[in-house]
Amino acid sequence: AAEGRRSPDKVQFMSIVRQEGLRAALAWRE
């Protein structure tokens, strides 16, 4: 249910993964 609601944090994280790569998304997270 939580994943289905699409947390704004998850949406942004995955957007960065797609556009800049996983390393950039992890850096954003940290």
mmCIF file of all heavy atoms, coordinates in Angstrom:
data_MODEL
# 
_entry.id   MODEL 
# 
loop_
_atom_site.group_PDB 
_atom_site.id 
_atom_site.type_symbol 
_atom_site.label_atom_id 
_atom_site.label_alt_id 
_atom_site.label_comp_id 
_atom_site.label_asym_id 
_atom_site.label_entity_id 
_atom_site.label_seq_id 
_atom_site.pdbx_PDB_ins_code 
_atom_site.Cartn_x 
_atom_site.Cartn_y 
_atom_site.Cartn_z 
_atom_site.occupancy 
_atom_site.B_iso_or_equiv 
_atom_site.pdbx_formal_charge 
_atom_site.auth_seq_id 
_atom_site.auth_comp_id 
_atom_site.auth_asym_id 
_atom_site.auth_atom_id 
_atom_site.pdbx_PDB_model_num 
ATOM 1   N N   . ALA A 1 1  ? 0.828  -1.206 0.000   1.00 0.00 ? 1  ALA A N   1 
ATOM 2   C CA  . ALA A 1 1  ? 0.000  0.000  0.000   1.00 0.00 ? 1  ALA A CA  1 
ATOM 3   C C   . ALA A 1 1  ? 0.861  1.255  0.000   1.00 0.00 ? 1  ALA A C   1 
ATOM 4   O O   . ALA A 1 1  ? 0.567  2.231  -0.707  1.00 0.00 ? 1  ALA A O   1 
ATOM 5   C CB  . ALA A 1 1  ? -0.927 -0.007 1.216   1.00 0.00 ? 1  ALA A CB  1 
ATOM 6   N N   . ALA A 1 2  ? 1.934  1.241  0.767   1.00 0.00 ? 2  ALA A N   1 
ATOM 7   C CA  . ALA A 1 2  ? 2.829  2.404  0.835   1.00 0.00 ? 2  ALA A CA  1 
ATOM 8   C C   . ALA A 1 2  ? 3.494  2.659  -0.506  1.00 0.00 ? 2  ALA A C   1 
ATOM 9   O O   . ALA A 1 2  ? 3.591  3.809  -0.962  1.00 0.00 ? 2  ALA A O   1 
ATOM 10  C CB  . ALA A 1 2  ? 3.874  2.187  1.923   1.00 0.00 ? 2  ALA A CB  1 
ATOM 11  N N   . GLU A 1 3  ? 3.978  1.598  -1.160  1.00 0.00 ? 3  GLU A N   1 
ATOM 12  C CA  . GLU A 1 3  ? 4.604  1.774  -2.473  1.00 0.00 ? 3  GLU A CA  1 
ATOM 13  C C   . GLU A 1 3  ? 3.581  2.257  -3.497  1.00 0.00 ? 3  GLU A C   1 
ATOM 14  O O   . GLU A 1 3  ? 3.900  3.064  -4.370  1.00 0.00 ? 3  GLU A O   1 
ATOM 15  C CB  . GLU A 1 3  ? 5.235  0.456  -2.932  1.00 0.00 ? 3  GLU A CB  1 
ATOM 16  C CG  . GLU A 1 3  ? 6.438  -0.004 -2.098  1.00 0.00 ? 3  GLU A CG  1 
ATOM 17  C CD  . GLU A 1 3  ? 7.684  0.830  -2.327  1.00 0.00 ? 3  GLU A CD  1 
ATOM 18  O OE1 . GLU A 1 3  ? 7.628  1.828  -3.078  1.00 0.00 ? 3  GLU A OE1 1 
ATOM 19  O OE2 . GLU A 1 3  ? 8.729  0.488  -1.732  1.00 0.00 ? 3  GLU A OE2 1 
ATOM 20  N N   . GLY A 1 4  ? 2.356  1.763  -3.380  1.00 0.00 ? 4  GLY A N   1 
ATOM 21  C CA  . GLY A 1 4  ? 1.311  2.195  -4.295  1.00 0.00 ? 4  GLY A CA  1 
ATOM 22  C C   . GLY A 1 4  ? 0.979  3.670  -4.172  1.00 0.00 ? 4  GLY A C   1 
ATOM 23  O O   . GLY A 1 4  ? 0.556  4.298  -5.142  1.00 0.00 ? 4  GLY A O   1 
ATOM 24  N N   . ARG A 1 5  ? 1.176  4.223  -2.964  1.00 0.00 ? 5  ARG A N   1 
ATOM 25  C CA  . ARG A 1 5  ? 0.913  5.666  -2.758  1.00 0.00 ? 5  ARG A CA  1 
ATOM 26  C C   . ARG A 1 5  ? 2.008  6.537  -3.345  1.00 0.00 ? 5  ARG A C   1 
ATOM 27  O O   . ARG A 1 5  ? 1.831  7.731  -3.501  1.00 0.00 ? 5  ARG A O   1 
ATOM 28  C CB  . ARG A 1 5  ? 0.771  5.959  -1.260  1.00 0.00 ? 5  ARG A CB  1 
ATOM 29  C CG  . ARG A 1 5  ? -0.525 5.492  -0.640  1.00 0.00 ? 5  ARG A CG  1 
ATOM 30  C CD  . ARG A 1 5  ? -0.746 6.150  0.703   1.00 0.00 ? 5  ARG A CD  1 
ATOM 31  N NE  . ARG A 1 5  ? 0.333  5.854  1.637   1.00 0.00 ? 5  ARG A NE  1 
ATOM 32  C CZ  . ARG A 1 5  ? 0.331  4.806  2.469   1.00 0.00 ? 5  ARG A CZ  1 
ATOM 33  N NH1 . ARG A 1 5  ? -0.689 3.955  2.460   1.00 0.00 ? 5  ARG A NH1 1 
ATOM 34  N NH2 . ARG A 1 5  ? 1.333  4.600  3.305   1.00 0.00 ? 5  ARG A NH2 1 
ATOM 35  N N   . ARG A 1 6  ? 3.152  5.953  -3.623  1.00 0.00 ? 6  ARG A N   1 
ATOM 36  C CA  . ARG A 1 6  ? 4.283  6.655  -4.235  1.00 0.00 ? 6  ARG A CA  1 
ATOM 37  C C   . ARG A 1 6  ? 4.749  7.834  -3.382  1.00 0.00 ? 6  ARG A C   1 
ATOM 38  O O   . ARG A 1 6  ? 4.412  8.997  -3.629  1.00 0.00 ? 6  ARG A O   1 
ATOM 39  C CB  . ARG A 1 6  ? 3.935  7.136  -5.654  1.00 0.00 ? 6  ARG A CB  1 
ATOM 40  C CG  . ARG A 1 6  ? 3.499  6.022  -6.590  1.00 0.00 ? 6  ARG A CG  1 
ATOM 41  C CD  . ARG A 1 6  ? 3.343  6.532  -7.996  1.00 0.00 ? 6  ARG A CD  1 
ATOM 42  N NE  . ARG A 1 6  ? 4.645  6.815  -8.608  1.00 0.00 ? 6  ARG A NE  1 
ATOM 43  C CZ  . ARG A 1 6  ? 4.848  7.716  -9.563  1.00 0.00 ? 6  ARG A CZ  1 
ATOM 44  N NH1 . ARG A 1 6  ? 3.833  8.461  -9.976  1.00 0.00 ? 6  ARG A NH1 1 
ATOM 45  N NH2 . ARG A 1 6  ? 6.042  7.887  -10.076 1.00 0.00 ? 6  ARG A NH2 1 
ATOM 46  N N   . SER A 1 7  ? 5.545  7.538  -2.391  1.00 0.00 ? 7  SER A N   1 
ATOM 47  C CA  . SER A 1 7  ? 6.139  8.571  -1.548  1.00 0.00 ? 7  SER A CA  1 
ATOM 48  C C   . SER A 1 7  ? 6.885  9.590  -2.408  1.00 0.00 ? 7  SER A C   1 
ATOM 49  O O   . SER A 1 7  ? 7.604  9.220  -3.342  1.00 0.00 ? 7  SER A O   1 
ATOM 50  C CB  . SER A 1 7  ? 7.113  7.930  -0.559  1.00 0.00 ? 7  SER A CB  1 
ATOM 51  O OG  . SER A 1 7  ? 8.004  8.882  -0.026  1.00 0.00 ? 7  SER A OG  1 
ATOM 52  N N   . PRO A 1 8  ? 6.728  10.898 -2.119  1.00 0.00 ? 8  PRO A N   1 
ATOM 53  C CA  . PRO A 1 8  ? 7.475  11.908 -2.876  1.00 0.00 ? 8  PRO A CA  1 
ATOM 54  C C   . PRO A 1 8  ? 8.988  11.666 -2.844  1.00 0.00 ? 8  PRO A C   1 
ATOM 55  O O   . PRO A 1 8  ? 9.678  11.931 -3.840  1.00 0.00 ? 8  PRO A O   1 
ATOM 56  C CB  . PRO A 1 8  ? 7.108  13.221 -2.172  1.00 0.00 ? 8  PRO A CB  1 
ATOM 57  C CG  . PRO A 1 8  ? 5.793  12.948 -1.527  1.00 0.00 ? 8  PRO A CG  1 
ATOM 58  C CD  . PRO A 1 8  ? 5.828  11.509 -1.119  1.00 0.00 ? 8  PRO A CD  1 
ATOM 59  N N   . ASP A 1 9  ? 9.493  11.177 -1.708  1.00 0.00 ? 9  ASP A N   1 
ATOM 60  C CA  . ASP A 1 9  ? 10.923 10.876 -1.614  1.00 0.00 ? 9  ASP A CA  1 
ATOM 61  C C   . ASP A 1 9  ? 11.317 9.792  -2.611  1.00 0.00 ? 9  ASP A C   1 
ATOM 62  O O   . ASP A 1 9  ? 12.351 9.887  -3.284  1.00 0.00 ? 9  ASP A O   1 
ATOM 63  C CB  . ASP A 1 9  ? 11.280 10.425 -0.201  1.00 0.00 ? 9  ASP A CB  1 
ATOM 64  C CG  . ASP A 1 9  ? 11.141 11.529 0.830   1.00 0.00 ? 9  ASP A CG  1 
ATOM 65  O OD1 . ASP A 1 9  ? 11.076 12.710 0.430   1.00 0.00 ? 9  ASP A OD1 1 
ATOM 66  O OD2 . ASP A 1 9  ? 11.103 11.211 2.034   1.00 0.00 ? 9  ASP A OD2 1 
ATOM 67  N N   . LYS A 1 10 ? 10.494 8.744  -2.710  1.00 0.00 ? 10 LYS A N   1 
ATOM 68  C CA  . LYS A 1 10 ? 10.793 7.646  -3.628  1.00 0.00 ? 10 LYS A CA  1 
ATOM 69  C C   . LYS A 1 10 ? 10.687 8.106  -5.077  1.00 0.00 ? 10 LYS A C   1 
ATOM 70  O O   . LYS A 1 10 ? 11.510 7.731  -5.925  1.00 0.00 ? 10 LYS A O   1 
ATOM 71  C CB  . LYS A 1 10 ? 9.818  6.488  -3.362  1.00 0.00 ? 10 LYS A CB  1 
ATOM 72  C CG  . LYS A 1 10 ? 10.033 5.244  -4.231  1.00 0.00 ? 10 LYS A CG  1 
ATOM 73  C CD  . LYS A 1 10 ? 11.239 4.454  -3.770  1.00 0.00 ? 10 LYS A CD  1 
ATOM 74  C CE  . LYS A 1 10 ? 11.347 3.111  -4.497  1.00 0.00 ? 10 LYS A CE  1 
ATOM 75  N NZ  . LYS A 1 10 ? 10.334 2.144  -4.045  1.00 0.00 ? 10 LYS A NZ  1 
ATOM 76  N N   . VAL A 1 11 ? 9.677  8.934  -5.372  1.00 0.00 ? 11 VAL A N   1 
ATOM 77  C CA  . VAL A 1 11 ? 9.507  9.449  -6.731  1.00 0.00 ? 11 VAL A CA  1 
ATOM 78  C C   . VAL A 1 11 ? 10.741 10.229 -7.166  1.00 0.00 ? 11 VAL A C   1 
ATOM 79  O O   . VAL A 1 11 ? 11.273 10.042 -8.268  1.00 0.00 ? 11 VAL A O   1 
ATOM 80  C CB  . VAL A 1 11 ? 8.246  10.337 -6.829  1.00 0.00 ? 11 VAL A CB  1 
ATOM 81  C CG1 . VAL A 1 11 ? 8.197  11.054 -8.175  1.00 0.00 ? 11 VAL A CG1 1 
ATOM 82  C CG2 . VAL A 1 11 ? 6.989  9.495  -6.634  1.00 0.00 ? 11 VAL A CG2 1 
ATOM 83  N N   . GLN A 1 12 ? 11.230 11.105 -6.287  1.00 0.00 ? 12 GLN A N   1 
ATOM 84  C CA  . GLN A 1 12 ? 12.401 11.902 -6.641  1.00 0.00 ? 12 GLN A CA  1 
ATOM 85  C C   . GLN A 1 12 ? 13.645 11.035 -6.750  1.00 0.00 ? 12 GLN A C   1 
ATOM 86  O O   . GLN A 1 12 ? 14.464 11.210 -7.660  1.00 0.00 ? 12 GLN A O   1 
ATOM 87  C CB  . GLN A 1 12 ? 12.620 13.018 -5.612  1.00 0.00 ? 12 GLN A CB  1 
ATOM 88  C CG  . GLN A 1 12 ? 13.734 13.976 -6.027  1.00 0.00 ? 12 GLN A CG  1 
ATOM 89  C CD  . GLN A 1 12 ? 13.752 15.243 -5.188  1.00 0.00 ? 12 GLN A CD  1 
ATOM 90  O OE1 . GLN A 1 12 ? 12.881 15.449 -4.349  1.00 0.00 ? 12 GLN A OE1 1 
ATOM 91  N NE2 . GLN A 1 12 ? 14.730 16.089 -5.428  1.00 0.00 ? 12 GLN A NE2 1 
ATOM 92  N N   . PHE A 1 13 ? 13.804 10.112 -5.832  1.00 0.00 ? 13 PHE A N   1 
ATOM 93  C CA  . PHE A 1 13 ? 14.962 9.210  -5.853  1.00 0.00 ? 13 PHE A CA  1 
ATOM 94  C C   . PHE A 1 13 ? 15.007 8.449  -7.177  1.00 0.00 ? 13 PHE A C   1 
ATOM 95  O O   . PHE A 1 13 ? 16.049 8.397  -7.846  1.00 0.00 ? 13 PHE A O   1 
ATOM 96  C CB  . PHE A 1 13 ? 14.893 8.240  -4.677  1.00 0.00 ? 13 PHE A CB  1 
ATOM 97  C CG  . PHE A 1 13 ? 16.038 7.274  -4.601  1.00 0.00 ? 13 PHE A CG  1 
ATOM 98  C CD1 . PHE A 1 13 ? 17.211 7.620  -3.948  1.00 0.00 ? 13 PHE A CD1 1 
ATOM 99  C CD2 . PHE A 1 13 ? 15.953 6.006  -5.169  1.00 0.00 ? 13 PHE A CD2 1 
ATOM 100 C CE1 . PHE A 1 13 ? 18.276 6.728  -3.867  1.00 0.00 ? 13 PHE A CE1 1 
ATOM 101 C CE2 . PHE A 1 13 ? 17.004 5.114  -5.096  1.00 0.00 ? 13 PHE A CE2 1 
ATOM 102 C CZ  . PHE A 1 13 ? 18.165 5.470  -4.442  1.00 0.00 ? 13 PHE A CZ  1 
ATOM 103 N N   . MET A 1 14 ? 13.886 7.859  -7.569  1.00 0.00 ? 14 MET A N   1 
ATOM 104 C CA  . MET A 1 14 ? 13.849 7.076  -8.796  1.00 0.00 ? 14 MET A CA  1 
ATOM 105 C C   . MET A 1 14 ? 14.026 7.949  -10.030 1.00 0.00 ? 14 MET A C   1 
ATOM 106 O O   . MET A 1 14 ? 14.606 7.526  -11.034 1.00 0.00 ? 14 MET A O   1 
ATOM 107 C CB  . MET A 1 14 ? 12.547 6.290  -8.880  1.00 0.00 ? 14 MET A CB  1 
ATOM 108 C CG  . MET A 1 14 ? 12.482 5.129  -7.900  1.00 0.00 ? 14 MET A CG  1 
ATOM 109 S SD  . MET A 1 14 ? 13.873 3.977  -8.152  1.00 0.00 ? 14 MET A SD  1 
ATOM 110 C CE  . MET A 1 14 ? 13.500 2.728  -6.923  1.00 0.00 ? 14 MET A CE  1 
ATOM 111 N N   . SER A 1 15 ? 13.540 9.177  -9.968  1.00 0.00 ? 15 SER A N   1 
ATOM 112 C CA  . SER A 1 15 ? 13.735 10.108 -11.080 1.00 0.00 ? 15 SER A CA  1 
ATOM 113 C C   . SER A 1 15 ? 15.222 10.395 -11.280 1.00 0.00 ? 15 SER A C   1 
ATOM 114 O O   . SER A 1 15 ? 15.712 10.421 -12.417 1.00 0.00 ? 15 SER A O   1 
ATOM 115 C CB  . SER A 1 15 ? 12.974 11.408 -10.816 1.00 0.00 ? 15 SER A CB  1 
ATOM 116 O OG  . SER A 1 15 ? 13.233 12.353 -11.836 1.00 0.00 ? 15 SER A OG  1 
ATOM 117 N N   . ILE A 1 16 ? 15.936 10.573 -10.186 1.00 0.00 ? 16 ILE A N   1 
ATOM 118 C CA  . ILE A 1 16 ? 17.377 10.812 -10.286 1.00 0.00 ? 16 ILE A CA  1 
ATOM 119 C C   . ILE A 1 16 ? 18.092 9.574  -10.806 1.00 0.00 ? 16 ILE A C   1 
ATOM 120 O O   . ILE A 1 16 ? 19.023 9.670  -11.620 1.00 0.00 ? 16 ILE A O   1 
ATOM 121 C CB  . ILE A 1 16 ? 17.942 11.229 -8.913  1.00 0.00 ? 16 ILE A CB  1 
ATOM 122 C CG1 . ILE A 1 16 ? 17.332 12.561 -8.470  1.00 0.00 ? 16 ILE A CG1 1 
ATOM 123 C CG2 . ILE A 1 16 ? 19.468 11.354 -8.971  1.00 0.00 ? 16 ILE A CG2 1 
ATOM 124 C CD1 . ILE A 1 16 ? 17.665 12.949 -7.038  1.00 0.00 ? 16 ILE A CD1 1 
ATOM 125 N N   . VAL A 1 17 ? 17.659 8.396  -10.366 1.00 0.00 ? 17 VAL A N   1 
ATOM 126 C CA  . VAL A 1 17 ? 18.253 7.152  -10.879 1.00 0.00 ? 17 VAL A CA  1 
ATOM 127 C C   . VAL A 1 17 ? 18.126 7.093  -12.397 1.00 0.00 ? 17 VAL A C   1 
ATOM 128 O O   . VAL A 1 17 ? 19.087 6.790  -13.112 1.00 0.00 ? 17 VAL A O   1 
ATOM 129 C CB  . VAL A 1 17 ? 17.598 5.910  -10.239 1.00 0.00 ? 17 VAL A CB  1 
ATOM 130 C CG1 . VAL A 1 17 ? 18.108 4.639  -10.911 1.00 0.00 ? 17 VAL A CG1 1 
ATOM 131 C CG2 . VAL A 1 17 ? 17.877 5.848  -8.747  1.00 0.00 ? 17 VAL A CG2 1 
ATOM 132 N N   . ARG A 1 18 ? 16.936 7.396  -12.902 1.00 0.00 ? 18 ARG A N   1 
ATOM 133 C CA  . ARG A 1 18 ? 16.708 7.301  -14.347 1.00 0.00 ? 18 ARG A CA  1 
ATOM 134 C C   . ARG A 1 18 ? 17.477 8.362  -15.128 1.00 0.00 ? 18 ARG A C   1 
ATOM 135 O O   . ARG A 1 18 ? 17.991 8.097  -16.215 1.00 0.00 ? 18 ARG A O   1 
ATOM 136 C CB  . ARG A 1 18 ? 15.211 7.429  -14.644 1.00 0.00 ? 18 ARG A CB  1 
ATOM 137 C CG  . ARG A 1 18 ? 14.396 6.193  -14.264 1.00 0.00 ? 18 ARG A CG  1 
ATOM 138 C CD  . ARG A 1 18 ? 12.966 6.304  -14.761 1.00 0.00 ? 18 ARG A CD  1 
ATOM 139 N NE  . ARG A 1 18 ? 12.222 7.299  -14.012 1.00 0.00 ? 18 ARG A NE  1 
ATOM 140 C CZ  . ARG A 1 18 ? 11.517 7.033  -12.904 1.00 0.00 ? 18 ARG A CZ  1 
ATOM 141 N NH1 . ARG A 1 18 ? 11.483 5.801  -12.422 1.00 0.00 ? 18 ARG A NH1 1 
ATOM 142 N NH2 . ARG A 1 18 ? 10.857 7.992  -12.283 1.00 0.00 ? 18 ARG A NH2 1 
ATOM 143 N N   . GLN A 1 19 ? 17.579 9.553  -14.554 1.00 0.00 ? 19 GLN A N   1 
ATOM 144 C CA  . GLN A 1 19 ? 18.186 10.660 -15.294 1.00 0.00 ? 19 GLN A CA  1 
ATOM 145 C C   . GLN A 1 19 ? 19.702 10.749 -15.107 1.00 0.00 ? 19 GLN A C   1 
ATOM 146 O O   . GLN A 1 19 ? 20.428 11.092 -16.049 1.00 0.00 ? 19 GLN A O   1 
ATOM 147 C CB  . GLN A 1 19 ? 17.543 11.982 -14.856 1.00 0.00 ? 19 GLN A CB  1 
ATOM 148 C CG  . GLN A 1 19 ? 16.069 12.091 -15.214 1.00 0.00 ? 19 GLN A CG  1 
ATOM 149 C CD  . GLN A 1 19 ? 15.417 13.344 -14.650 1.00 0.00 ? 19 GLN A CD  1 
ATOM 150 O OE1 . GLN A 1 19 ? 16.102 14.300 -14.276 1.00 0.00 ? 19 GLN A OE1 1 
ATOM 151 N NE2 . GLN A 1 19 ? 14.090 13.341 -14.571 1.00 0.00 ? 19 GLN A NE2 1 
ATOM 152 N N   . GLU A 1 20 ? 20.171 10.430 -13.907 1.00 0.00 ? 20 GLU A N   1 
ATOM 153 C CA  . GLU A 1 20 ? 21.589 10.638 -13.614 1.00 0.00 ? 20 GLU A CA  1 
ATOM 154 C C   . GLU A 1 20 ? 22.322 9.379  -13.152 1.00 0.00 ? 20 GLU A C   1 
ATOM 155 O O   . GLU A 1 20 ? 23.544 9.389  -13.036 1.00 0.00 ? 20 GLU A O   1 
ATOM 156 C CB  . GLU A 1 20 ? 21.745 11.718 -12.534 1.00 0.00 ? 20 GLU A CB  1 
ATOM 157 C CG  . GLU A 1 20 ? 21.095 13.051 -12.893 1.00 0.00 ? 20 GLU A CG  1 
ATOM 158 C CD  . GLU A 1 20 ? 21.210 14.049 -11.758 1.00 0.00 ? 20 GLU A CD  1 
ATOM 159 O OE1 . GLU A 1 20 ? 22.297 14.148 -11.156 1.00 0.00 ? 20 GLU A OE1 1 
ATOM 160 O OE2 . GLU A 1 20 ? 20.193 14.715 -11.451 1.00 0.00 ? 20 GLU A OE2 1 
ATOM 161 N N   . GLY A 1 21 ? 21.579 8.339  -12.859 1.00 0.00 ? 21 GLY A N   1 
ATOM 162 C CA  . GLY A 1 21 ? 22.220 7.107  -12.421 1.00 0.00 ? 21 GLY A CA  1 
ATOM 163 C C   . GLY A 1 21 ? 22.068 6.873  -10.923 1.00 0.00 ? 21 GLY A C   1 
ATOM 164 O O   . GLY A 1 21 ? 21.757 7.791  -10.155 1.00 0.00 ? 21 GLY A O   1 
ATOM 165 N N   . LEU A 1 22 ? 22.288 5.617  -10.525 1.00 0.00 ? 22 LEU A N   1 
ATOM 166 C CA  . LEU A 1 22 ? 22.092 5.226  -9.130  1.00 0.00 ? 22 LEU A CA  1 
ATOM 167 C C   . LEU A 1 22 ? 23.070 5.928  -8.194  1.00 0.00 ? 22 LEU A C   1 
ATOM 168 O O   . LEU A 1 22 ? 22.701 6.318  -7.081  1.00 0.00 ? 22 LEU A O   1 
ATOM 169 C CB  . LEU A 1 22 ? 22.231 3.708  -8.991  1.00 0.00 ? 22 LEU A CB  1 
ATOM 170 C CG  . LEU A 1 22 ? 22.020 3.119  -7.599  1.00 0.00 ? 22 LEU A CG  1 
ATOM 171 C CD1 . LEU A 1 22 ? 20.641 3.472  -7.045  1.00 0.00 ? 22 LEU A CD1 1 
ATOM 172 C CD2 . LEU A 1 22 ? 22.226 1.611  -7.614  1.00 0.00 ? 22 LEU A CD2 1 
ATOM 173 N N   . ARG A 1 23 ? 24.303 6.102  -8.632  1.00 0.00 ? 23 ARG A N   1 
ATOM 174 C CA  . ARG A 1 23 ? 25.287 6.763  -7.773  1.00 0.00 ? 23 ARG A CA  1 
ATOM 175 C C   . ARG A 1 23 ? 24.838 8.175  -7.400  1.00 0.00 ? 23 ARG A C   1 
ATOM 176 O O   . ARG A 1 23 ? 24.952 8.594  -6.249  1.00 0.00 ? 23 ARG A O   1 
ATOM 177 C CB  . ARG A 1 23 ? 26.655 6.794  -8.455  1.00 0.00 ? 23 ARG A CB  1 
ATOM 178 C CG  . ARG A 1 23 ? 27.795 7.260  -7.563  1.00 0.00 ? 23 ARG A CG  1 
ATOM 179 C CD  . ARG A 1 23 ? 29.102 7.289  -8.336  1.00 0.00 ? 23 ARG A CD  1 
ATOM 180 N NE  . ARG A 1 23 ? 29.463 5.968  -8.819  1.00 0.00 ? 23 ARG A NE  1 
ATOM 181 C CZ  . ARG A 1 23 ? 30.156 5.094  -8.104  1.00 0.00 ? 23 ARG A CZ  1 
ATOM 182 N NH1 . ARG A 1 23 ? 30.544 5.397  -6.872  1.00 0.00 ? 23 ARG A NH1 1 
ATOM 183 N NH2 . ARG A 1 23 ? 30.470 3.918  -8.622  1.00 0.00 ? 23 ARG A NH2 1 
ATOM 184 N N   . ALA A 1 24 ? 24.305 8.907  -8.369  1.00 0.00 ? 24 ALA A N   1 
ATOM 185 C CA  . ALA A 1 24 ? 23.824 10.270 -8.107  1.00 0.00 ? 24 ALA A CA  1 
ATOM 186 C C   . ALA A 1 24 ? 22.626 10.242 -7.164  1.00 0.00 ? 24 ALA A C   1 
ATOM 187 O O   . ALA A 1 24 ? 22.496 11.113 -6.282  1.00 0.00 ? 24 ALA A O   1 
ATOM 188 C CB  . ALA A 1 24 ? 23.447 10.952 -9.417  1.00 0.00 ? 24 ALA A CB  1 
ATOM 189 N N   . ALA A 1 25 ? 21.754 9.254  -7.327  1.00 0.00 ? 25 ALA A N   1 
ATOM 190 C CA  . ALA A 1 25 ? 20.584 9.155  -6.450  1.00 0.00 ? 25 ALA A CA  1 
ATOM 191 C C   . ALA A 1 25 ? 20.998 8.843  -5.014  1.00 0.00 ? 25 ALA A C   1 
ATOM 192 O O   . ALA A 1 25 ? 20.440 9.408  -4.060  1.00 0.00 ? 25 ALA A O   1 
ATOM 193 C CB  . ALA A 1 25 ? 19.633 8.081  -6.974  1.00 0.00 ? 25 ALA A CB  1 
ATOM 194 N N   . LEU A 1 26 ? 21.978 7.976  -4.867  1.00 0.00 ? 26 LEU A N   1 
ATOM 195 C CA  . LEU A 1 26 ? 22.459 7.672  -3.518  1.00 0.00 ? 26 LEU A CA  1 
ATOM 196 C C   . LEU A 1 26 ? 23.117 8.887  -2.880  1.00 0.00 ? 26 LEU A C   1 
ATOM 197 O O   . LEU A 1 26 ? 22.973 9.124  -1.679  1.00 0.00 ? 26 LEU A O   1 
ATOM 198 C CB  . LEU A 1 26 ? 23.436 6.490  -3.575  1.00 0.00 ? 26 LEU A CB  1 
ATOM 199 C CG  . LEU A 1 26 ? 22.824 5.138  -3.973  1.00 0.00 ? 26 LEU A CG  1 
ATOM 200 C CD1 . LEU A 1 26 ? 23.917 4.091  -4.157  1.00 0.00 ? 26 LEU A CD1 1 
ATOM 201 C CD2 . LEU A 1 26 ? 21.806 4.672  -2.936  1.00 0.00 ? 26 LEU A CD2 1 
ATOM 202 N N   . ALA A 1 27 ? 23.836 9.666  -3.682  1.00 0.00 ? 27 ALA A N   1 
ATOM 203 C CA  . ALA A 1 27 ? 24.444 10.891 -3.165  1.00 0.00 ? 27 ALA A CA  1 
ATOM 204 C C   . ALA A 1 27 ? 23.368 11.875 -2.722  1.00 0.00 ? 27 ALA A C   1 
ATOM 205 O O   . ALA A 1 27 ? 23.490 12.537 -1.681  1.00 0.00 ? 27 ALA A O   1 
ATOM 206 C CB  . ALA A 1 27 ? 25.348 11.519 -4.227  1.00 0.00 ? 27 ALA A CB  1 
ATOM 207 N N   . TRP A 1 28 ? 22.303 12.000 -3.502  1.00 0.00 ? 28 TRP A N   1 
ATOM 208 C CA  . TRP A 1 28 ? 21.172 12.858 -3.117  1.00 0.00 ? 28 TRP A CA  1 
ATOM 209 C C   . TRP A 1 28 ? 20.576 12.383 -1.805  1.00 0.00 ? 28 TRP A C   1 
ATOM 210 O O   . TRP A 1 28 ? 20.277 13.194 -0.918  1.00 0.00 ? 28 TRP A O   1 
ATOM 211 C CB  . TRP A 1 28 ? 20.118 12.832 -4.219  1.00 0.00 ? 28 TRP A CB  1 
ATOM 212 C CG  . TRP A 1 28 ? 18.808 13.451 -3.829  1.00 0.00 ? 28 TRP A CG  1 
ATOM 213 C CD1 . TRP A 1 28 ? 18.481 14.778 -3.855  1.00 0.00 ? 28 TRP A CD1 1 
ATOM 214 C CD2 . TRP A 1 28 ? 17.642 12.768 -3.319  1.00 0.00 ? 28 TRP A CD2 1 
ATOM 215 N NE1 . TRP A 1 28 ? 17.196 14.959 -3.410  1.00 0.00 ? 28 TRP A NE1 1 
ATOM 216 C CE2 . TRP A 1 28 ? 16.650 13.747 -3.077  1.00 0.00 ? 28 TRP A CE2 1 
ATOM 217 C CE3 . TRP A 1 28 ? 17.355 11.435 -3.053  1.00 0.00 ? 28 TRP A CE3 1 
ATOM 218 C CZ2 . TRP A 1 28 ? 15.391 13.431 -2.570  1.00 0.00 ? 28 TRP A CZ2 1 
ATOM 219 C CZ3 . TRP A 1 28 ? 16.095 11.110 -2.551  1.00 0.00 ? 28 TRP A CZ3 1 
ATOM 220 C CH2 . TRP A 1 28 ? 15.129 12.097 -2.313  1.00 0.00 ? 28 TRP A CH2 1 
ATOM 221 N N   . ARG A 1 29 ? 20.394 11.083 -1.686  1.00 0.00 ? 29 ARG A N   1 
ATOM 222 C CA  . ARG A 1 29 ? 19.843 10.520 -0.452  1.00 0.00 ? 29 ARG A CA  1 
ATOM 223 C C   . ARG A 1 29 ? 20.691 10.893 0.750   1.00 0.00 ? 29 ARG A C   1 
ATOM 224 O O   . ARG A 1 29 ? 20.178 11.324 1.791   1.00 0.00 ? 29 ARG A O   1 
ATOM 225 C CB  . ARG A 1 29 ? 19.765 8.996  -0.575  1.00 0.00 ? 29 ARG A CB  1 
ATOM 226 C CG  . ARG A 1 29 ? 19.162 8.302  0.627   1.00 0.00 ? 29 ARG A CG  1 
ATOM 227 C CD  . ARG A 1 29 ? 19.373 6.797  0.567   1.00 0.00 ? 29 ARG A CD  1 
ATOM 228 N NE  . ARG A 1 29 ? 20.768 6.451  0.816   1.00 0.00 ? 29 ARG A NE  1 
ATOM 229 C CZ  . ARG A 1 29 ? 21.236 5.201  0.832   1.00 0.00 ? 29 ARG A CZ  1 
ATOM 230 N NH1 . ARG A 1 29 ? 20.422 4.197  0.551   1.00 0.00 ? 29 ARG A NH1 1 
ATOM 231 N NH2 . ARG A 1 29 ? 22.503 4.955  1.086   1.00 0.00 ? 29 ARG A NH2 1 
ATOM 232 N N   . GLU A 1 30 ? 21.998 10.766 0.621   1.00 0.00 ? 30 GLU A N   1 
ATOM 233 C CA  . GLU A 1 30 ? 22.881 11.043 1.759   1.00 0.00 ? 30 GLU A CA  1 
ATOM 234 C C   . GLU A 1 30 ? 22.942 12.528 2.083   1.00 0.00 ? 30 GLU A C   1 
ATOM 235 O O   . GLU A 1 30 ? 23.072 12.909 3.249   1.00 0.00 ? 30 GLU A O   1 
ATOM 236 C CB  . GLU A 1 30 ? 24.279 10.490 1.480   1.00 0.00 ? 30 GLU A CB  1 
ATOM 237 C CG  . GLU A 1 30 ? 24.336 8.972  1.367   1.00 0.00 ? 30 GLU A CG  1 
ATOM 238 C CD  . GLU A 1 30 ? 23.667 8.279  2.539   1.00 0.00 ? 30 GLU A CD  1 
ATOM 239 O OE1 . GLU A 1 30 ? 23.961 8.629  3.700   1.00 0.00 ? 30 GLU A OE1 1 
ATOM 240 O OE2 . GLU A 1 30 ? 22.835 7.377  2.295   1.00 0.00 ? 30 GLU A OE2 1 
# 
